[in-house]
Amino acid sequence: MRIYRQLEELPPATSPVVATIGNFDGVHLGHQSVIAEVIARACALSGVSLAITFDPHPARVLRPEHPFPLLTPLPRKLALLAATGIDATLVLPFTETFCRLTAHDFAQSILKDAVHATEVHEGENFRFGHNAEAGVDGPAGLEALGRELGFAVRVYAPRTLRGGAISSSRIRALIAAGDLSQARALLGRPFSIDSTPASGRGYGTRYTVPTINLAPYWDLLPAHGVYVTTLTVGAGAQAETFQAVTNLGNRPTFGADSFAVESHLLNFHPLEGEQALSGQTPLRLTFLLRLRPEFRFPSPEALRAQILLDAARARRYFTLCRALNH
C-alpha cells in the first residue's frame, strides 16, 4: 500500500480513482465492508482504490480538553488498512486551518482537484466541512457536490451486528467496559495494542511470578482487570508469540497505586540473540478474555495463589481453543 502524507505527494491521475473518506479508527467490519466495495469498483474500472484519513484524529483538534483514546493509533491503522488490499492511503494533516474548510471547498480542492476522484464511497452518517456542516444528501451534501464536480457517490447504510450498528464509538465503549468478546465480533479480530517493554517495580519477580511490563500506553485500554492474552515479542521473522495472563490496573496489593500492564507468560523461555528483550523490542499484546476484575489481596502470597488460579484458567482456555481449531 502506498502512503501519501501531503496532497502534493499524490501522483498525476492516469486512471480512475475510487475513494473513501473516514477516520477508520479500529478498521472494523463496517469499514472493511466499504473498503472491499471500493477495491472491487477500482478493479472493475482498472483504477486505483484510495482511503483518505486524518492525523491527528479530528476529535483531538476540535475538543483538545477531552481525552480521546484511539482503538488504533496511526501506525496500527495504516497496517490494518494495508491488510485490506487497498492500493493507497492519503493521510491528511488535520489542523485548525484544515477544519475550517467548507464542504464545497473540501470536495473541490481535495476530491476533485487533488485526488481526481471518479467515485466516492461513504456511509450514510458521513459528515464533513466546517462544523460538520454537510452530510451525504441535501442540497449542499456530498451527492450534490459530486454531481456538480463530476464524481459519483455511493452511500452505504450502517452495517449492523449483535443488535446495533458497527461503529468505532460502540467498540470503544465495549473495550472500556472489558467486553472483549463483543468488541472482537465487531472488529473482526481480537483487540490488541502495540508497545515496548518497561521496567517494573520488581514485585512480579520477587513475590509472585516473572512478568513483562509494557511501557506507558496512552490510547485505549480495556477496563482494569485480569485477562487471557497473547504477547508477541519482536517483529518479522524473529517474532514469537507467547500465551499469557495480563493484569491491567493499579496493583493495589502492594500499597501505593501505580498503573501498569503486566503480562505473565505461560510458555515463556529465555530469549537470546536478536530476540533478547530491550527497551525498544516491539510487543503486541492481544486481549482474548476477561477473567476477573482487579482485587486487593491481603498478602503477596494470596496474590500469588490467585495468579496461579488465573494461569490455570488461561491454560484451559488455550487448550479449548486448540481443540476447537482441530
C-alpha atoms as a PDB file:
ATOM      1  CA  MET A   1       0.000   0.000   0.000  1.00  0.00           C
ATOM      2  CA  ARG A   2       1.309   3.429  -0.931  1.00  0.00           C
ATOM      3  CA  ILE A   3       1.041   6.114   1.754  1.00  0.00           C
ATOM      4  CA  TYR A   4       0.786   9.817   0.942  1.00  0.00           C
ATOM      5  CA  ARG A   5       1.005  12.399   3.734  1.00  0.00           C
ATOM      6  CA  GLN A   6       0.508  15.589   1.718  1.00  0.00           C
ATOM      7  CA  LEU A   7      -1.674  16.434  -1.265  1.00  0.00           C
ATOM      8  CA  GLU A   8       1.474  17.419  -3.129  1.00  0.00           C
ATOM      9  CA  GLU A   9       2.718  13.827  -2.931  1.00  0.00           C
ATOM     10  CA  LEU A  10      -0.198  12.448  -4.960  1.00  0.00           C
ATOM     11  CA  PRO A  11       0.832  11.299  -8.444  1.00  0.00           C
ATOM     12  CA  PRO A  12      -0.857  12.666 -11.577  1.00  0.00           C
ATOM     13  CA  ALA A  13      -4.182  10.972 -12.260  1.00  0.00           C
ATOM     14  CA  THR A  14      -3.733   8.492 -15.083  1.00  0.00           C
ATOM     15  CA  SER A  15      -6.572   6.095 -14.189  1.00  0.00           C
ATOM     16  CA  PRO A  16      -9.897   6.290 -12.331  1.00  0.00           C
ATOM     17  CA  VAL A  17      -9.669   6.823  -8.559  1.00  0.00           C
ATOM     18  CA  VAL A  18     -12.267   5.240  -6.278  1.00  0.00           C
ATOM     19  CA  ALA A  19     -12.030   6.784  -2.814  1.00  0.00           C
ATOM     20  CA  THR A  20     -13.497   6.540   0.662  1.00  0.00           C
ATOM     21  CA  ILE A  21     -13.018   9.052   3.471  1.00  0.00           C
ATOM     22  CA  GLY A  22     -13.017   8.452   7.207  1.00  0.00           C
ATOM     23  CA  ASN A  23     -11.161   8.287  10.478  1.00  0.00           C
ATOM     24  CA  PHE A  24     -11.176   4.464  10.206  1.00  0.00           C
ATOM     25  CA  ASP A  25     -10.400   4.115  13.917  1.00  0.00           C
ATOM     26  CA  GLY A  26     -10.293   0.370  14.531  1.00  0.00           C
ATOM     27  CA  VAL A  27     -10.680  -0.528  10.828  1.00  0.00           C
ATOM     28  CA  HIS A  28     -13.695  -2.548  11.970  1.00  0.00           C
ATOM     29  CA  LEU A  29     -16.049  -4.752   9.943  1.00  0.00           C
ATOM     30  CA  GLY A  30     -18.101  -1.755   8.821  1.00  0.00           C
ATOM     31  CA  HIS A  31     -15.006  -0.035   7.459  1.00  0.00           C
ATOM     32  CA  GLN A  32     -13.805  -3.270   5.910  1.00  0.00           C
ATOM     33  CA  SER A  33     -17.065  -3.852   4.023  1.00  0.00           C
ATOM     34  CA  VAL A  34     -16.989  -0.373   2.429  1.00  0.00           C
ATOM     35  CA  ILE A  35     -13.290  -0.696   1.588  1.00  0.00           C
ATOM     36  CA  ALA A  36     -13.949  -4.067  -0.057  1.00  0.00           C
ATOM     37  CA  GLU A  37     -16.508  -2.391  -2.326  1.00  0.00           C
ATOM     38  CA  VAL A  38     -14.059   0.426  -3.106  1.00  0.00           C
ATOM     39  CA  ILE A  39     -11.406  -2.121  -4.088  1.00  0.00           C
ATOM     40  CA  ALA A  40     -13.883  -4.071  -6.223  1.00  0.00           C
ATOM     41  CA  ARG A  41     -15.028  -0.939  -8.064  1.00  0.00           C
ATOM     42  CA  ALA A  42     -11.431   0.185  -8.652  1.00  0.00           C
ATOM     43  CA  CYS A  43     -10.633  -3.227 -10.131  1.00  0.00           C
ATOM     44  CA  ALA A  44     -13.717  -3.081 -12.365  1.00  0.00           C
ATOM     45  CA  LEU A  45     -12.647   0.344 -13.640  1.00  0.00           C
ATOM     46  CA  SER A  46      -8.953  -0.637 -13.943  1.00  0.00           C
ATOM     47  CA  GLY A  47      -8.339   2.156 -11.482  1.00  0.00           C
ATOM     48  CA  VAL A  48      -6.865   2.899  -8.059  1.00  0.00           C
ATOM     49  CA  SER A  49      -8.526   2.378  -4.678  1.00  0.00           C
ATOM     50  CA  LEU A  50      -7.790   5.095  -2.109  1.00  0.00           C
ATOM     51  CA  ALA A  51      -8.585   5.619   1.567  1.00  0.00           C
ATOM     52  CA  ILE A  52      -8.468   9.222   2.831  1.00  0.00           C
ATOM     53  CA  THR A  53      -7.930   9.622   6.560  1.00  0.00           C
ATOM     54  CA  PHE A  54      -6.707  12.231   9.040  1.00  0.00           C
ATOM     55  CA  ASP A  55      -3.956  12.701  11.594  1.00  0.00           C
ATOM     56  CA  PRO A  56      -4.436  13.589  14.352  1.00  0.00           C
ATOM     57  CA  HIS A  57      -7.970  12.339  14.868  1.00  0.00           C
ATOM     58  CA  PRO A  58     -10.309  15.341  14.421  1.00  0.00           C
ATOM     59  CA  ALA A  59     -11.664  14.932  17.960  1.00  0.00           C
ATOM     60  CA  ARG A  60      -8.214  15.687  19.350  1.00  0.00           C
ATOM     61  CA  VAL A  61      -8.114  19.009  17.484  1.00  0.00           C
ATOM     62  CA  LEU A  62     -11.732  20.060  17.909  1.00  0.00           C
ATOM     63  CA  ARG A  63     -12.044  19.025  21.578  1.00  0.00           C
ATOM     64  CA  PRO A  64      -8.484  19.023  22.982  1.00  0.00           C
ATOM     65  CA  GLU A  65      -9.747  19.355  26.551  1.00  0.00           C
ATOM     66  CA  HIS A  66     -11.343  15.877  26.364  1.00  0.00           C
ATOM     67  CA  PRO A  67      -9.069  12.790  26.267  1.00  0.00           C
ATOM     68  CA  PHE A  68      -9.752  10.711  23.172  1.00  0.00           C
ATOM     69  CA  PRO A  69      -8.013   7.316  23.332  1.00  0.00           C
ATOM     70  CA  LEU A  70      -7.854   5.597  19.959  1.00  0.00           C
ATOM     71  CA  LEU A  71      -8.604   1.993  19.096  1.00  0.00           C
ATOM     72  CA  THR A  72      -5.770   2.114  16.566  1.00  0.00           C
ATOM     73  CA  PRO A  73      -3.022   4.739  16.651  1.00  0.00           C
ATOM     74  CA  LEU A  74      -1.899   5.786  13.175  1.00  0.00           C
ATOM     75  CA  PRO A  75       0.855   3.157  12.575  1.00  0.00           C
ATOM     76  CA  ARG A  76      -1.524   0.347  13.511  1.00  0.00           C
ATOM     77  CA  LYS A  77      -4.352   1.849  11.473  1.00  0.00           C
ATOM     78  CA  LEU A  78      -2.143   2.070   8.390  1.00  0.00           C
ATOM     79  CA  ALA A  79      -1.075  -1.549   8.821  1.00  0.00           C
ATOM     80  CA  LEU A  80      -4.709  -2.652   9.072  1.00  0.00           C
ATOM     81  CA  LEU A  81      -5.677  -0.597   6.026  1.00  0.00           C
ATOM     82  CA  ALA A  82      -2.816  -2.186   4.085  1.00  0.00           C
ATOM     83  CA  ALA A  83      -4.116  -5.615   5.099  1.00  0.00           C
ATOM     84  CA  THR A  84      -7.449  -4.882   3.364  1.00  0.00           C
ATOM     85  CA  GLY A  85      -5.652  -4.774  -0.001  1.00  0.00           C
ATOM     86  CA  ILE A  86      -6.407  -1.129  -0.739  1.00  0.00           C
ATOM     87  CA  ASP A  87      -3.937   0.454  -3.161  1.00  0.00           C
ATOM     88  CA  ALA A  88      -3.149   3.666  -1.281  1.00  0.00           C
ATOM     89  CA  THR A  89      -3.956   5.812   1.752  1.00  0.00           C
ATOM     90  CA  LEU A  90      -3.807   9.591   1.923  1.00  0.00           C
ATOM     91  CA  VAL A  91      -3.176  10.862   5.471  1.00  0.00           C
ATOM     92  CA  LEU A  92      -4.296  14.483   5.619  1.00  0.00           C
ATOM     93  CA  PRO A  93      -2.899  16.614   8.470  1.00  0.00           C
ATOM     94  CA  PHE A  94      -5.956  17.705  10.463  1.00  0.00           C
ATOM     95  CA  THR A  95      -5.145  21.235  11.593  1.00  0.00           C
ATOM     96  CA  GLU A  96      -7.262  24.140  12.799  1.00  0.00           C
ATOM     97  CA  THR A  97      -6.900  25.669   9.327  1.00  0.00           C
ATOM     98  CA  PHE A  98      -7.941  22.449   7.609  1.00  0.00           C
ATOM     99  CA  CYS A  99     -11.027  22.045   9.778  1.00  0.00           C
ATOM    100  CA  ARG A 100     -12.312  25.448   8.630  1.00  0.00           C
ATOM    101  CA  LEU A 101     -12.671  24.214   5.033  1.00  0.00           C
ATOM    102  CA  THR A 102     -16.286  24.318   3.905  1.00  0.00           C
ATOM    103  CA  ALA A 103     -17.842  21.167   2.491  1.00  0.00           C
ATOM    104  CA  HIS A 104     -17.680  22.672  -1.002  1.00  0.00           C
ATOM    105  CA  ASP A 105     -14.008  23.632  -0.594  1.00  0.00           C
ATOM    106  CA  PHE A 106     -13.171  20.121   0.654  1.00  0.00           C
ATOM    107  CA  ALA A 107     -14.929  18.500  -2.306  1.00  0.00           C
ATOM    108  CA  GLN A 108     -13.395  20.930  -4.798  1.00  0.00           C
ATOM    109  CA  SER A 109      -9.807  21.186  -3.575  1.00  0.00           C
ATOM    110  CA  ILE A 110      -9.300  17.637  -2.324  1.00  0.00           C
ATOM    111  CA  LEU A 111     -11.713  15.234  -4.009  1.00  0.00           C
ATOM    112  CA  LYS A 112     -11.742  16.899  -7.443  1.00  0.00           C
ATOM    113  CA  ASP A 113      -8.521  18.901  -7.856  1.00  0.00           C
ATOM    114  CA  ALA A 114      -6.048  16.787  -5.840  1.00  0.00           C
ATOM    115  CA  VAL A 115      -7.446  13.244  -5.797  1.00  0.00           C
ATOM    116  CA  HIS A 116      -9.317  13.418  -9.157  1.00  0.00           C
ATOM    117  CA  ALA A 117     -11.929  11.064  -7.710  1.00  0.00           C
ATOM    118  CA  THR A 118     -14.116   9.153 -10.117  1.00  0.00           C
ATOM    119  CA  GLU A 119     -16.235   7.673  -7.326  1.00  0.00           C
ATOM    120  CA  VAL A 120     -16.530   8.371  -3.591  1.00  0.00           C
ATOM    121  CA  HIS A 121     -17.994   5.712  -1.286  1.00  0.00           C
ATOM    122  CA  GLU A 122     -19.318   6.734   2.151  1.00  0.00           C
ATOM    123  CA  GLY A 123     -21.543   5.605   4.984  1.00  0.00           C
ATOM    124  CA  GLU A 124     -24.856   7.424   5.282  1.00  0.00           C
ATOM    125  CA  ASN A 125     -23.734   9.018   8.589  1.00  0.00           C
ATOM    126  CA  PHE A 126     -20.713  10.726   6.991  1.00  0.00           C
ATOM    127  CA  ARG A 127     -20.331  14.418   7.883  1.00  0.00           C
ATOM    128  CA  PHE A 128     -17.750  16.841   6.534  1.00  0.00           C
ATOM    129  CA  GLY A 129     -16.912  20.509   6.158  1.00  0.00           C
ATOM    130  CA  HIS A 130     -16.588  23.243   8.792  1.00  0.00           C
ATOM    131  CA  ASN A 131     -18.595  22.322  11.904  1.00  0.00           C
ATOM    132  CA  ALA A 132     -19.686  19.101  10.124  1.00  0.00           C
ATOM    133  CA  GLU A 133     -21.978  21.259   8.015  1.00  0.00           C
ATOM    134  CA  ALA A 134     -22.780  18.697   5.326  1.00  0.00           C
ATOM    135  CA  GLY A 135     -23.762  15.061   5.035  1.00  0.00           C
ATOM    136  CA  VAL A 136     -24.207  12.834   2.026  1.00  0.00           C
ATOM    137  CA  ASP A 137     -27.642  14.104   0.980  1.00  0.00           C
ATOM    138  CA  GLY A 138     -29.314  17.500   0.823  1.00  0.00           C
ATOM    139  CA  PRO A 139     -28.678  20.464  -1.475  1.00  0.00           C
ATOM    140  CA  ALA A 140     -25.123  21.007  -0.151  1.00  0.00           C
ATOM    141  CA  GLY A 141     -24.306  17.356   0.560  1.00  0.00           C
ATOM    142  CA  LEU A 142     -21.728  15.037  -0.947  1.00  0.00           C
ATOM    143  CA  GLU A 143     -24.075  13.632  -3.600  1.00  0.00           C
ATOM    144  CA  ALA A 144     -24.981  17.130  -4.839  1.00  0.00           C
ATOM    145  CA  LEU A 145     -21.331  18.182  -4.832  1.00  0.00           C
ATOM    146  CA  GLY A 146     -20.431  15.056  -6.781  1.00  0.00           C
ATOM    147  CA  ARG A 147     -22.981  15.918  -9.455  1.00  0.00           C
ATOM    148  CA  GLU A 148     -21.580  19.453  -9.630  1.00  0.00           C
ATOM    149  CA  LEU A 149     -17.913  18.486  -9.659  1.00  0.00           C
ATOM    150  CA  GLY A 150     -18.036  15.312 -11.717  1.00  0.00           C
ATOM    151  CA  PHE A 151     -17.677  12.321  -9.382  1.00  0.00           C
ATOM    152  CA  ALA A 152     -20.200   9.636  -8.486  1.00  0.00           C
ATOM    153  CA  VAL A 153     -21.184   8.989  -4.878  1.00  0.00           C
ATOM    154  CA  ARG A 154     -22.245   5.650  -3.425  1.00  0.00           C
ATOM    155  CA  VAL A 155     -23.806   5.653   0.031  1.00  0.00           C
ATOM    156  CA  TYR A 156     -23.947   2.694   2.444  1.00  0.00           C
ATOM    157  CA  ALA A 157     -26.328   2.026   5.307  1.00  0.00           C
ATOM    158  CA  PRO A 158     -24.553   1.203   8.585  1.00  0.00           C
ATOM    159  CA  ARG A 159     -23.629  -2.435   8.921  1.00  0.00           C
ATOM    160  CA  THR A 160     -25.261  -3.974  11.984  1.00  0.00           C
ATOM    161  CA  LEU A 161     -24.265  -6.858  14.232  1.00  0.00           C
ATOM    162  CA  ARG A 162     -25.490  -8.133  17.585  1.00  0.00           C
ATOM    163  CA  GLY A 163     -28.313  -5.657  17.910  1.00  0.00           C
ATOM    164  CA  GLY A 164     -26.663  -2.441  16.822  1.00  0.00           C
ATOM    165  CA  ALA A 165     -24.640  -0.585  14.248  1.00  0.00           C
ATOM    166  CA  ILE A 166     -20.954  -1.392  13.968  1.00  0.00           C
ATOM    167  CA  SER A 167     -19.160   1.808  14.925  1.00  0.00           C
ATOM    168  CA  SER A 168     -15.858   2.877  16.429  1.00  0.00           C
ATOM    169  CA  SER A 169     -17.641   4.571  19.339  1.00  0.00           C
ATOM    170  CA  ARG A 170     -19.572   1.402  20.181  1.00  0.00           C
ATOM    171  CA  ILE A 171     -16.384  -0.665  20.079  1.00  0.00           C
ATOM    172  CA  ARG A 172     -14.548   1.842  22.301  1.00  0.00           C
ATOM    173  CA  ALA A 173     -17.334   1.595  24.881  1.00  0.00           C
ATOM    174  CA  LEU A 174     -17.257  -2.213  24.821  1.00  0.00           C
ATOM    175  CA  ILE A 175     -13.487  -2.353  25.311  1.00  0.00           C
ATOM    176  CA  ALA A 176     -13.568   0.270  28.056  1.00  0.00           C
ATOM    177  CA  ALA A 177     -16.105  -1.951  29.834  1.00  0.00           C
ATOM    178  CA  GLY A 178     -13.950  -5.054  29.396  1.00  0.00           C
ATOM    179  CA  ASP A 179     -16.328  -6.756  26.937  1.00  0.00           C
ATOM    180  CA  LEU A 180     -13.664  -8.227  24.661  1.00  0.00           C
ATOM    181  CA  SER A 181     -15.970 -10.808  23.093  1.00  0.00           C
ATOM    182  CA  GLN A 182     -18.424  -8.249  21.686  1.00  0.00           C
ATOM    183  CA  ALA A 183     -15.598  -5.962  20.612  1.00  0.00           C
ATOM    184  CA  ARG A 184     -13.885  -8.835  18.820  1.00  0.00           C
ATOM    185  CA  ALA A 185     -17.070  -9.601  16.886  1.00  0.00           C
ATOM    186  CA  LEU A 186     -17.368  -6.009  15.664  1.00  0.00           C
ATOM    187  CA  LEU A 187     -13.680  -5.556  14.887  1.00  0.00           C
ATOM    188  CA  GLY A 188     -13.417  -8.889  13.105  1.00  0.00           C
ATOM    189  CA  ARG A 189     -10.307  -9.708  15.168  1.00  0.00           C
ATOM    190  CA  PRO A 190      -9.208  -9.581  18.819  1.00  0.00           C
ATOM    191  CA  PHE A 191      -8.341  -6.159  20.223  1.00  0.00           C
ATOM    192  CA  SER A 192      -4.601  -5.586  20.560  1.00  0.00           C
ATOM    193  CA  ILE A 193      -2.146  -2.843  21.454  1.00  0.00           C
ATOM    194  CA  ASP A 194       1.459  -2.242  20.380  1.00  0.00           C
ATOM    195  CA  SER A 195       4.097  -1.165  22.873  1.00  0.00           C
ATOM    196  CA  THR A 196       7.620  -1.854  24.128  1.00  0.00           C
ATOM    197  CA  PRO A 197       8.958  -3.307  27.409  1.00  0.00           C
ATOM    198  CA  ALA A 198       9.323  -1.213  30.539  1.00  0.00           C
ATOM    199  CA  SER A 199      10.999  -1.971  33.828  1.00  0.00           C
ATOM    200  CA  GLY A 200       8.531  -2.662  36.628  1.00  0.00           C
ATOM    201  CA  ARG A 201       8.801  -2.413  40.381  1.00  0.00           C
ATOM    202  CA  GLY A 202      10.110  -5.956  40.665  1.00  0.00           C
ATOM    203  CA  TYR A 203       7.150  -7.320  42.588  1.00  0.00           C
ATOM    204  CA  GLY A 204       6.312  -9.918  39.952  1.00  0.00           C
ATOM    205  CA  THR A 205       9.771 -11.454  40.089  1.00  0.00           C
ATOM    206  CA  ARG A 206      10.321 -11.161  43.836  1.00  0.00           C
ATOM    207  CA  TYR A 207       6.904 -12.101  45.148  1.00  0.00           C
ATOM    208  CA  THR A 208       4.735 -13.750  42.536  1.00  0.00           C
ATOM    209  CA  VAL A 209       5.800 -14.827  39.060  1.00  0.00           C
ATOM    210  CA  PRO A 210       8.074 -13.370  36.349  1.00  0.00           C
ATOM    211  CA  THR A 211       6.306 -10.772  34.226  1.00  0.00           C
ATOM    212  CA  ILE A 212       6.908  -8.466  31.281  1.00  0.00           C
ATOM    213  CA  ASN A 213       5.691  -4.915  31.845  1.00  0.00           C
ATOM    214  CA  LEU A 214       4.580  -2.729  28.960  1.00  0.00           C
ATOM    215  CA  ALA A 215       5.764   0.833  28.603  1.00  0.00           C
ATOM    216  CA  PRO A 216       3.136   3.533  29.296  1.00  0.00           C
ATOM    217  CA  TYR A 217       0.374   3.396  26.692  1.00  0.00           C
ATOM    218  CA  TRP A 218      -1.790   6.457  26.096  1.00  0.00           C
ATOM    219  CA  ASP A 219      -4.531   5.123  23.845  1.00  0.00           C
ATOM    220  CA  LEU A 220      -7.481   2.863  24.566  1.00  0.00           C
ATOM    221  CA  LEU A 221      -7.088   0.063  27.111  1.00  0.00           C
ATOM    222  CA  PRO A 222      -9.693  -2.357  28.482  1.00  0.00           C
ATOM    223  CA  ALA A 223     -11.200  -1.976  31.929  1.00  0.00           C
ATOM    224  CA  HIS A 224      -8.914  -2.768  34.848  1.00  0.00           C
ATOM    225  CA  GLY A 225      -8.729  -6.479  35.487  1.00  0.00           C
ATOM    226  CA  VAL A 226      -7.058  -9.752  34.578  1.00  0.00           C
ATOM    227  CA  TYR A 227      -7.187 -11.065  31.023  1.00  0.00           C
ATOM    228  CA  VAL A 228      -6.228 -14.070  28.959  1.00  0.00           C
ATOM    229  CA  THR A 229      -3.880 -12.647  26.339  1.00  0.00           C
ATOM    230  CA  THR A 230      -1.099 -13.415  23.930  1.00  0.00           C
ATOM    231  CA  LEU A 231       2.106 -11.376  23.815  1.00  0.00           C
ATOM    232  CA  THR A 232       4.074 -11.238  20.582  1.00  0.00           C
ATOM    233  CA  VAL A 233       7.709 -10.340  21.171  1.00  0.00           C
ATOM    234  CA  GLY A 234       9.681  -8.864  18.293  1.00  0.00           C
ATOM    235  CA  ALA A 235       8.683  -8.321  14.687  1.00  0.00           C
ATOM    236  CA  GLY A 236       9.045 -10.035  11.350  1.00  0.00           C
ATOM    237  CA  ALA A 237      10.767 -13.408  11.131  1.00  0.00           C
ATOM    238  CA  GLN A 238      12.129 -13.048  14.685  1.00  0.00           C
ATOM    239  CA  ALA A 239       8.702 -12.548  16.288  1.00  0.00           C
ATOM    240  CA  GLU A 240       7.461 -15.133  18.767  1.00  0.00           C
ATOM    241  CA  THR A 241       4.012 -15.279  20.359  1.00  0.00           C
ATOM    242  CA  PHE A 242       3.515 -16.454  23.951  1.00  0.00           C
ATOM    243  CA  GLN A 243       0.363 -17.371  25.814  1.00  0.00           C
ATOM    244  CA  ALA A 244      -0.115 -15.030  28.764  1.00  0.00           C
ATOM    245  CA  VAL A 245      -2.186 -13.767  31.662  1.00  0.00           C
ATOM    246  CA  THR A 246      -2.195  -9.983  31.879  1.00  0.00           C
ATOM    247  CA  ASN A 247      -3.073  -7.744  34.806  1.00  0.00           C
ATOM    248  CA  LEU A 248      -4.131  -4.262  33.830  1.00  0.00           C
ATOM    249  CA  GLY A 249      -4.525  -1.851  36.708  1.00  0.00           C
ATOM    250  CA  ASN A 250      -3.043  -0.206  39.785  1.00  0.00           C
ATOM    251  CA  ARG A 251      -1.609  -3.260  41.627  1.00  0.00           C
ATOM    252  CA  PRO A 252      -3.295  -2.333  44.931  1.00  0.00           C
ATOM    253  CA  THR A 253      -1.876  -5.297  46.860  1.00  0.00           C
ATOM    254  CA  PHE A 254       1.475  -3.527  47.101  1.00  0.00           C
ATOM    255  CA  GLY A 255       0.266  -0.240  48.576  1.00  0.00           C
ATOM    256  CA  ALA A 256       0.660   2.966  46.591  1.00  0.00           C
ATOM    257  CA  ASP A 257      -1.281   2.677  43.394  1.00  0.00           C
ATOM    258  CA  SER A 258       0.851   2.545  40.272  1.00  0.00           C
ATOM    259  CA  PHE A 259      -0.869   1.772  36.995  1.00  0.00           C
ATOM    260  CA  ALA A 260       0.780  -0.960  34.932  1.00  0.00           C
ATOM    261  CA  VAL A 261       0.124  -3.535  32.245  1.00  0.00           C
ATOM    262  CA  GLU A 262       1.911  -6.726  33.357  1.00  0.00           C
ATOM    263  CA  SER A 263       1.907  -9.991  31.444  1.00  0.00           C
ATOM    264  CA  HIS A 264       2.870 -13.356  32.937  1.00  0.00           C
ATOM    265  CA  LEU A 265       3.947 -15.594  30.064  1.00  0.00           C
ATOM    266  CA  LEU A 266       2.677 -19.139  30.452  1.00  0.00           C
ATOM    267  CA  ASN A 267       5.045 -20.793  27.987  1.00  0.00           C
ATOM    268  CA  PHE A 268       7.994 -18.433  28.306  1.00  0.00           C
ATOM    269  CA  HIS A 269      11.592 -19.413  27.628  1.00  0.00           C
ATOM    270  CA  PRO A 270      14.710 -17.219  27.792  1.00  0.00           C
ATOM    271  CA  LEU A 271      15.161 -15.020  24.746  1.00  0.00           C
ATOM    272  CA  GLU A 272      18.641 -14.761  23.311  1.00  0.00           C
ATOM    273  CA  GLY A 273      20.458 -13.020  20.458  1.00  0.00           C
ATOM    274  CA  GLU A 274      18.190 -10.935  18.236  1.00  0.00           C
ATOM    275  CA  GLN A 275      15.167 -12.000  20.280  1.00  0.00           C
ATOM    276  CA  ALA A 276      16.546 -10.711  23.594  1.00  0.00           C
ATOM    277  CA  LEU A 277      14.355  -8.070  25.203  1.00  0.00           C
ATOM    278  CA  SER A 278      15.457  -4.462  25.159  1.00  0.00           C
ATOM    279  CA  GLY A 279      13.636  -1.228  25.760  1.00  0.00           C
ATOM    280  CA  GLN A 280      12.934  -0.994  22.008  1.00  0.00           C
ATOM    281  CA  THR A 281      11.703  -4.553  21.395  1.00  0.00           C
ATOM    282  CA  PRO A 282       8.267  -4.383  19.703  1.00  0.00           C
ATOM    283  CA  LEU A 283       5.491  -6.004  21.733  1.00  0.00           C
ATOM    284  CA  ARG A 284       1.934  -6.719  20.645  1.00  0.00           C
ATOM    285  CA  LEU A 285      -0.491  -7.580  23.430  1.00  0.00           C
ATOM    286  CA  THR A 286      -3.721  -9.214  22.243  1.00  0.00           C
ATOM    287  CA  PHE A 287      -6.686  -9.393  24.626  1.00  0.00           C
ATOM    288  CA  LEU A 288      -8.795 -12.539  24.376  1.00  0.00           C
ATOM    289  CA  LEU A 289     -10.935 -12.928  27.521  1.00  0.00           C
ATOM    290  CA  ARG A 290     -11.514 -11.050  30.795  1.00  0.00           C
ATOM    291  CA  LEU A 291     -11.072 -13.387  33.739  1.00  0.00           C
ATOM    292  CA  ARG A 292     -11.899 -11.097  36.669  1.00  0.00           C
ATOM    293  CA  PRO A 293     -11.724  -7.538  37.999  1.00  0.00           C
ATOM    294  CA  GLU A 294      -8.633  -6.314  39.832  1.00  0.00           C
ATOM    295  CA  PHE A 295      -8.663  -7.068  43.587  1.00  0.00           C
ATOM    296  CA  ARG A 296      -6.600  -6.028  46.591  1.00  0.00           C
ATOM    297  CA  PHE A 297      -5.200  -9.179  48.236  1.00  0.00           C
ATOM    298  CA  PRO A 298      -4.178  -9.435  51.903  1.00  0.00           C
ATOM    299  CA  SER A 299      -0.624 -10.527  51.076  1.00  0.00           C
ATOM    300  CA  PRO A 300       1.739 -11.235  48.178  1.00  0.00           C
ATOM    301  CA  GLU A 301       1.257 -14.948  48.921  1.00  0.00           C
ATOM    302  CA  ALA A 302      -2.503 -14.643  48.431  1.00  0.00           C
ATOM    303  CA  LEU A 303      -1.888 -12.774  45.179  1.00  0.00           C
ATOM    304  CA  ARG A 304       0.485 -15.491  44.002  1.00  0.00           C
ATOM    305  CA  ALA A 305      -2.140 -18.159  44.727  1.00  0.00           C
ATOM    306  CA  GLN A 306      -4.721 -16.222  42.704  1.00  0.00           C
ATOM    307  CA  ILE A 307      -2.301 -15.739  39.810  1.00  0.00           C
ATOM    308  CA  LEU A 308      -1.745 -19.493  39.699  1.00  0.00           C
ATOM    309  CA  LEU A 309      -5.535 -19.961  39.519  1.00  0.00           C
ATOM    310  CA  ASP A 310      -5.751 -17.338  36.757  1.00  0.00           C
ATOM    311  CA  ALA A 311      -2.949 -19.071  34.870  1.00  0.00           C
ATOM    312  CA  ALA A 312      -4.735 -22.418  35.164  1.00  0.00           C
ATOM    313  CA  ARG A 313      -7.919 -20.904  33.732  1.00  0.00           C
ATOM    314  CA  ALA A 314      -5.919 -19.346  30.915  1.00  0.00           C
ATOM    315  CA  ARG A 315      -4.269 -22.658  30.069  1.00  0.00           C
ATOM    316  CA  ARG A 316      -7.705 -24.314  29.904  1.00  0.00           C
ATOM    317  CA  TYR A 317      -8.820 -21.535  27.556  1.00  0.00           C
ATOM    318  CA  PHE A 318      -5.880 -22.123  25.210  1.00  0.00           C
ATOM    319  CA  THR A 319      -6.375 -25.901  25.371  1.00  0.00           C
ATOM    320  CA  LEU A 320     -10.042 -25.471  24.402  1.00  0.00           C
ATOM    321  CA  CYS A 321      -9.083 -23.138  21.540  1.00  0.00           C
ATOM    322  CA  ARG A 322      -6.646 -25.719  20.185  1.00  0.00           C
ATOM    323  CA  ALA A 323      -9.284 -28.440  20.409  1.00  0.00           C
ATOM    324  CA  LEU A 324     -11.852 -26.317  18.562  1.00  0.00           C
ATOM    325  CA  ASN A 325      -9.362 -25.445  15.827  1.00  0.00           C
ATOM    326  CA  HIS A 326      -8.565 -29.069  15.032  1.00  0.00           C
END
